[in-house]
Amino acid sequence: MADVFTREKRSRIMSSIKGRNTKPEIIVRRSLHAAGYRFRVHAKNLPGKPDIYFSRRRKAVFVNGCFWHGHEDCRRAALPKTNRKFWRQKIDATKDRDVRKRAELAKLGIRAFVVWECELKSNDPVMRKLTDFLGSAKHG
């Protein structure tokens, strides 16, 4: 099926999608803050500008959109029916960049954790994984 929008309208829609302070990101930040964690947001001085950074713990959290970061085996990551080659290249480049930036963080001694947008339907399991990764909120 062809796109219901004109090429110009679709371009405007796609370019208006935010990259920071997204709804999934805010959900994770609110949950972490409520659990007693304190952190920095969008650490500009670090590779990949982690969405959430715990400086004392040297841990970073990325909140990834399933479509934009090509979440494997996720229905939200399905490619559009039109212009597939463009989207495949764009998403593959994003995935490659994600891997590179996490490797750069590892070289700096910073461990990274990825939260996928689709995991936030039920916040409990993802928060359990996050708190296991971060450790006790009382230590910074």
C-alpha atoms as a PDB file:
ATOM      1  CA  MET A   1       0.000   0.000   0.000  1.00  0.00           C
ATOM      2  CA  ALA A   2       1.293   3.439  -0.890  1.00  0.00           C
ATOM      3  CA  ASP A   3       1.857   6.102   1.736  1.00  0.00           C
ATOM      4  CA  VAL A   4      -1.284   8.109   2.525  1.00  0.00           C
ATOM      5  CA  PHE A   5       0.786  11.319   2.737  1.00  0.00           C
ATOM      6  CA  THR A   6       2.613  13.213   0.035  1.00  0.00           C
ATOM      7  CA  ARG A   7       6.389  12.912   0.026  1.00  0.00           C
ATOM      8  CA  GLU A   8       6.717  16.466   1.436  1.00  0.00           C
ATOM      9  CA  LYS A   9       4.167  15.855   4.211  1.00  0.00           C
ATOM     10  CA  ARG A  10       5.824  12.532   5.191  1.00  0.00           C
ATOM     11  CA  SER A  11       9.205  14.301   5.285  1.00  0.00           C
ATOM     12  CA  ARG A  12       7.770  17.012   7.584  1.00  0.00           C
ATOM     13  CA  ILE A  13       6.222  14.377   9.874  1.00  0.00           C
ATOM     14  CA  MET A  14       9.419  12.330  10.133  1.00  0.00           C
ATOM     15  CA  SER A  15      11.650  15.373  10.720  1.00  0.00           C
ATOM     16  CA  SER A  16       9.433  16.538  13.582  1.00  0.00           C
ATOM     17  CA  ILE A  17      10.084  13.390  15.638  1.00  0.00           C
ATOM     18  CA  LYS A  18      12.079  14.247  18.736  1.00  0.00           C
ATOM     19  CA  GLY A  19      15.397  12.649  19.591  1.00  0.00           C
ATOM     20  CA  ARG A  20      15.560  13.829  23.200  1.00  0.00           C
ATOM     21  CA  ASN A  21      13.115  13.905  26.098  1.00  0.00           C
ATOM     22  CA  THR A  22      10.893  11.359  24.407  1.00  0.00           C
ATOM     23  CA  LYS A  23       7.954   9.787  26.214  1.00  0.00           C
ATOM     24  CA  PRO A  24       9.814   6.464  26.785  1.00  0.00           C
ATOM     25  CA  GLU A  25      12.834   8.374  28.118  1.00  0.00           C
ATOM     26  CA  ILE A  26      10.705  10.363  30.539  1.00  0.00           C
ATOM     27  CA  ILE A  27       8.998   7.170  31.783  1.00  0.00           C
ATOM     28  CA  VAL A  28      12.393   5.628  32.594  1.00  0.00           C
ATOM     29  CA  ARG A  29      13.725   8.810  34.211  1.00  0.00           C
ATOM     30  CA  ARG A  30      10.638   9.234  36.410  1.00  0.00           C
ATOM     31  CA  SER A  31      10.810   5.610  37.526  1.00  0.00           C
ATOM     32  CA  LEU A  32      14.512   5.846  38.347  1.00  0.00           C
ATOM     33  CA  HIS A  33      14.074   9.124  40.201  1.00  0.00           C
ATOM     34  CA  ALA A  34      11.134   7.728  42.200  1.00  0.00           C
ATOM     35  CA  ALA A  35      13.323   4.746  43.141  1.00  0.00           C
ATOM     36  CA  GLY A  36      15.907   7.147  44.586  1.00  0.00           C
ATOM     37  CA  TYR A  37      18.468   7.279  41.778  1.00  0.00           C
ATOM     38  CA  ARG A  38      20.111  10.556  40.812  1.00  0.00           C
ATOM     39  CA  PHE A  39      21.624  11.065  37.391  1.00  0.00           C
ATOM     40  CA  ARG A  40      22.560  13.424  34.583  1.00  0.00           C
ATOM     41  CA  VAL A  41      20.545  13.660  31.395  1.00  0.00           C
ATOM     42  CA  HIS A  42      22.069  13.656  27.868  1.00  0.00           C
ATOM     43  CA  ALA A  43      25.726  13.771  28.918  1.00  0.00           C
ATOM     44  CA  LYS A  44      27.142  15.792  26.028  1.00  0.00           C
ATOM     45  CA  ASN A  45      30.742  15.047  26.966  1.00  0.00           C
ATOM     46  CA  LEU A  46      30.345  11.270  26.509  1.00  0.00           C
ATOM     47  CA  PRO A  47      30.272   9.185  23.317  1.00  0.00           C
ATOM     48  CA  GLY A  48      26.712   8.675  22.132  1.00  0.00           C
ATOM     49  CA  LYS A  49      25.376  11.274  24.602  1.00  0.00           C
ATOM     50  CA  PRO A  50      23.698   8.709  26.887  1.00  0.00           C
ATOM     51  CA  ASP A  51      20.081   9.514  27.708  1.00  0.00           C
ATOM     52  CA  ILE A  52      20.794   8.893  31.405  1.00  0.00           C
ATOM     53  CA  TYR A  53      24.235   8.901  33.029  1.00  0.00           C
ATOM     54  CA  PHE A  54      25.256   7.913  36.550  1.00  0.00           C
ATOM     55  CA  SER A  55      28.662   9.527  36.975  1.00  0.00           C
ATOM     56  CA  ARG A  56      29.628   7.973  40.337  1.00  0.00           C
ATOM     57  CA  ARG A  57      28.622   4.523  39.130  1.00  0.00           C
ATOM     58  CA  ARG A  58      30.168   5.061  35.669  1.00  0.00           C
ATOM     59  CA  LYS A  59      27.048   3.630  34.059  1.00  0.00           C
ATOM     60  CA  ALA A  60      24.985   4.890  31.146  1.00  0.00           C
ATOM     61  CA  VAL A  61      21.449   4.089  30.021  1.00  0.00           C
ATOM     62  CA  PHE A  62      20.164   4.489  26.482  1.00  0.00           C
ATOM     63  CA  VAL A  63      16.405   4.511  25.882  1.00  0.00           C
ATOM     64  CA  ASN A  64      16.030   3.366  22.271  1.00  0.00           C
ATOM     65  CA  GLY A  65      13.037   3.595  19.993  1.00  0.00           C
ATOM     66  CA  CYS A  66      12.450   0.188  18.419  1.00  0.00           C
ATOM     67  CA  PHE A  67      11.974   1.535  14.883  1.00  0.00           C
ATOM     68  CA  TRP A  68      14.836   4.032  14.823  1.00  0.00           C
ATOM     69  CA  HIS A  69      17.398   1.662  16.371  1.00  0.00           C
ATOM     70  CA  GLY A  70      16.244  -1.497  14.571  1.00  0.00           C
ATOM     71  CA  HIS A  71      15.190  -3.628  17.539  1.00  0.00           C
ATOM     72  CA  GLU A  72      15.540  -7.249  16.391  1.00  0.00           C
ATOM     73  CA  ASP A  73      12.336  -9.320  16.237  1.00  0.00           C
ATOM     74  CA  CYS A  74      10.151  -6.412  17.371  1.00  0.00           C
ATOM     75  CA  ARG A  75       6.964  -5.577  15.504  1.00  0.00           C
ATOM     76  CA  ARG A  76       7.588  -1.865  16.144  1.00  0.00           C
ATOM     77  CA  ALA A  77      10.798  -2.110  14.102  1.00  0.00           C
ATOM     78  CA  ALA A  78       9.072  -3.179  10.877  1.00  0.00           C
ATOM     79  CA  LEU A  79      10.342  -1.264   7.856  1.00  0.00           C
ATOM     80  CA  PRO A  80       7.898   0.916   5.928  1.00  0.00           C
ATOM     81  CA  LYS A  81       6.565  -0.641   2.729  1.00  0.00           C
ATOM     82  CA  THR A  82       7.920   2.205   0.606  1.00  0.00           C
ATOM     83  CA  ASN A  83      11.522   3.310   0.199  1.00  0.00           C
ATOM     84  CA  ARG A  84      12.778   0.190   2.009  1.00  0.00           C
ATOM     85  CA  LYS A  85      16.360   0.526   0.773  1.00  0.00           C
ATOM     86  CA  PHE A  86      16.622   4.035   2.270  1.00  0.00           C
ATOM     87  CA  TRP A  87      15.201   2.936   5.616  1.00  0.00           C
ATOM     88  CA  ARG A  88      17.332  -0.216   5.795  1.00  0.00           C
ATOM     89  CA  GLN A  89      20.503   1.868   5.207  1.00  0.00           C
ATOM     90  CA  LYS A  90      19.446   4.514   7.710  1.00  0.00           C
ATOM     91  CA  ILE A  91      18.596   2.027  10.464  1.00  0.00           C
ATOM     92  CA  ASP A  92      21.706  -0.092   9.797  1.00  0.00           C
ATOM     93  CA  ALA A  93      23.844   3.057  10.122  1.00  0.00           C
ATOM     94  CA  THR A  94      22.135   3.853  13.431  1.00  0.00           C
ATOM     95  CA  LYS A  95      22.774   0.313  14.720  1.00  0.00           C
ATOM     96  CA  ASP A  96      26.449   0.534  13.682  1.00  0.00           C
ATOM     97  CA  ARG A  97      26.787   3.900  15.434  1.00  0.00           C
ATOM     98  CA  ASP A  98      25.160   2.489  18.589  1.00  0.00           C
ATOM     99  CA  VAL A  99      27.698  -0.354  18.700  1.00  0.00           C
ATOM    100  CA  ARG A 100      30.630   2.047  18.141  1.00  0.00           C
ATOM    101  CA  LYS A 101      29.489   4.474  20.841  1.00  0.00           C
ATOM    102  CA  ARG A 102      28.960   1.722  23.420  1.00  0.00           C
ATOM    103  CA  ALA A 103      32.463   0.400  22.629  1.00  0.00           C
ATOM    104  CA  GLU A 104      33.873   3.918  23.146  1.00  0.00           C
ATOM    105  CA  LEU A 105      32.088   4.127  26.493  1.00  0.00           C
ATOM    106  CA  ALA A 106      33.525   0.732  27.493  1.00  0.00           C
ATOM    107  CA  LYS A 107      37.043   2.004  26.713  1.00  0.00           C
ATOM    108  CA  LEU A 108      36.357   4.836  29.168  1.00  0.00           C
ATOM    109  CA  GLY A 109      35.296   2.313  31.810  1.00  0.00           C
ATOM    110  CA  ILE A 110      31.600   3.135  31.488  1.00  0.00           C
ATOM    111  CA  ARG A 111      29.099   0.275  31.317  1.00  0.00           C
ATOM    112  CA  ALA A 112      26.017   0.780  29.157  1.00  0.00           C
ATOM    113  CA  PHE A 113      22.471  -0.583  29.370  1.00  0.00           C
ATOM    114  CA  VAL A 114      19.809  -0.328  26.650  1.00  0.00           C
ATOM    115  CA  VAL A 115      16.101  -0.003  27.413  1.00  0.00           C
ATOM    116  CA  TRP A 116      13.874  -0.642  24.401  1.00  0.00           C
ATOM    117  CA  GLU A 117      10.666   1.305  23.911  1.00  0.00           C
ATOM    118  CA  CYS A 118       8.616  -1.920  23.662  1.00  0.00           C
ATOM    119  CA  GLU A 119       9.852  -3.050  27.109  1.00  0.00           C
ATOM    120  CA  LEU A 120       8.050  -0.140  28.754  1.00  0.00           C
ATOM    121  CA  LYS A 121       4.562  -1.583  28.286  1.00  0.00           C
ATOM    122  CA  SER A 122       5.112  -3.299  31.620  1.00  0.00           C
ATOM    123  CA  ASN A 123       7.521  -1.144  33.618  1.00  0.00           C
ATOM    124  CA  ASP A 124       8.250  -3.683  36.395  1.00  0.00           C
ATOM    125  CA  PRO A 125      10.510  -6.131  34.494  1.00  0.00           C
ATOM    126  CA  VAL A 126      12.583  -3.383  32.902  1.00  0.00           C
ATOM    127  CA  MET A 127      12.972  -1.581  36.232  1.00  0.00           C
ATOM    128  CA  ARG A 128      14.124  -4.840  37.854  1.00  0.00           C
ATOM    129  CA  LYS A 129      16.762  -5.256  35.128  1.00  0.00           C
ATOM    130  CA  LEU A 130      17.813  -1.626  35.515  1.00  0.00           C
ATOM    131  CA  THR A 131      18.150  -1.805  39.291  1.00  0.00           C
ATOM    132  CA  ASP A 132      20.170  -5.037  38.932  1.00  0.00           C
ATOM    133  CA  PHE A 133      22.447  -3.196  36.491  1.00  0.00           C
ATOM    134  CA  LEU A 134      22.731  -0.047  38.633  1.00  0.00           C
ATOM    135  CA  GLY A 135      22.864  -1.517  42.125  1.00  0.00           C
ATOM    136  CA  SER A 136      21.327   0.048  45.212  1.00  0.00           C
ATOM    137  CA  ALA A 137      19.936   3.584  44.906  1.00  0.00           C
ATOM    138  CA  LYS A 138      21.476   4.438  48.276  1.00  0.00           C
ATOM    139  CA  HIS A 139      25.016   4.402  46.899  1.00  0.00           C
ATOM    140  CA  GLY A 140      24.838   7.429  44.618  1.00  0.00           C
END
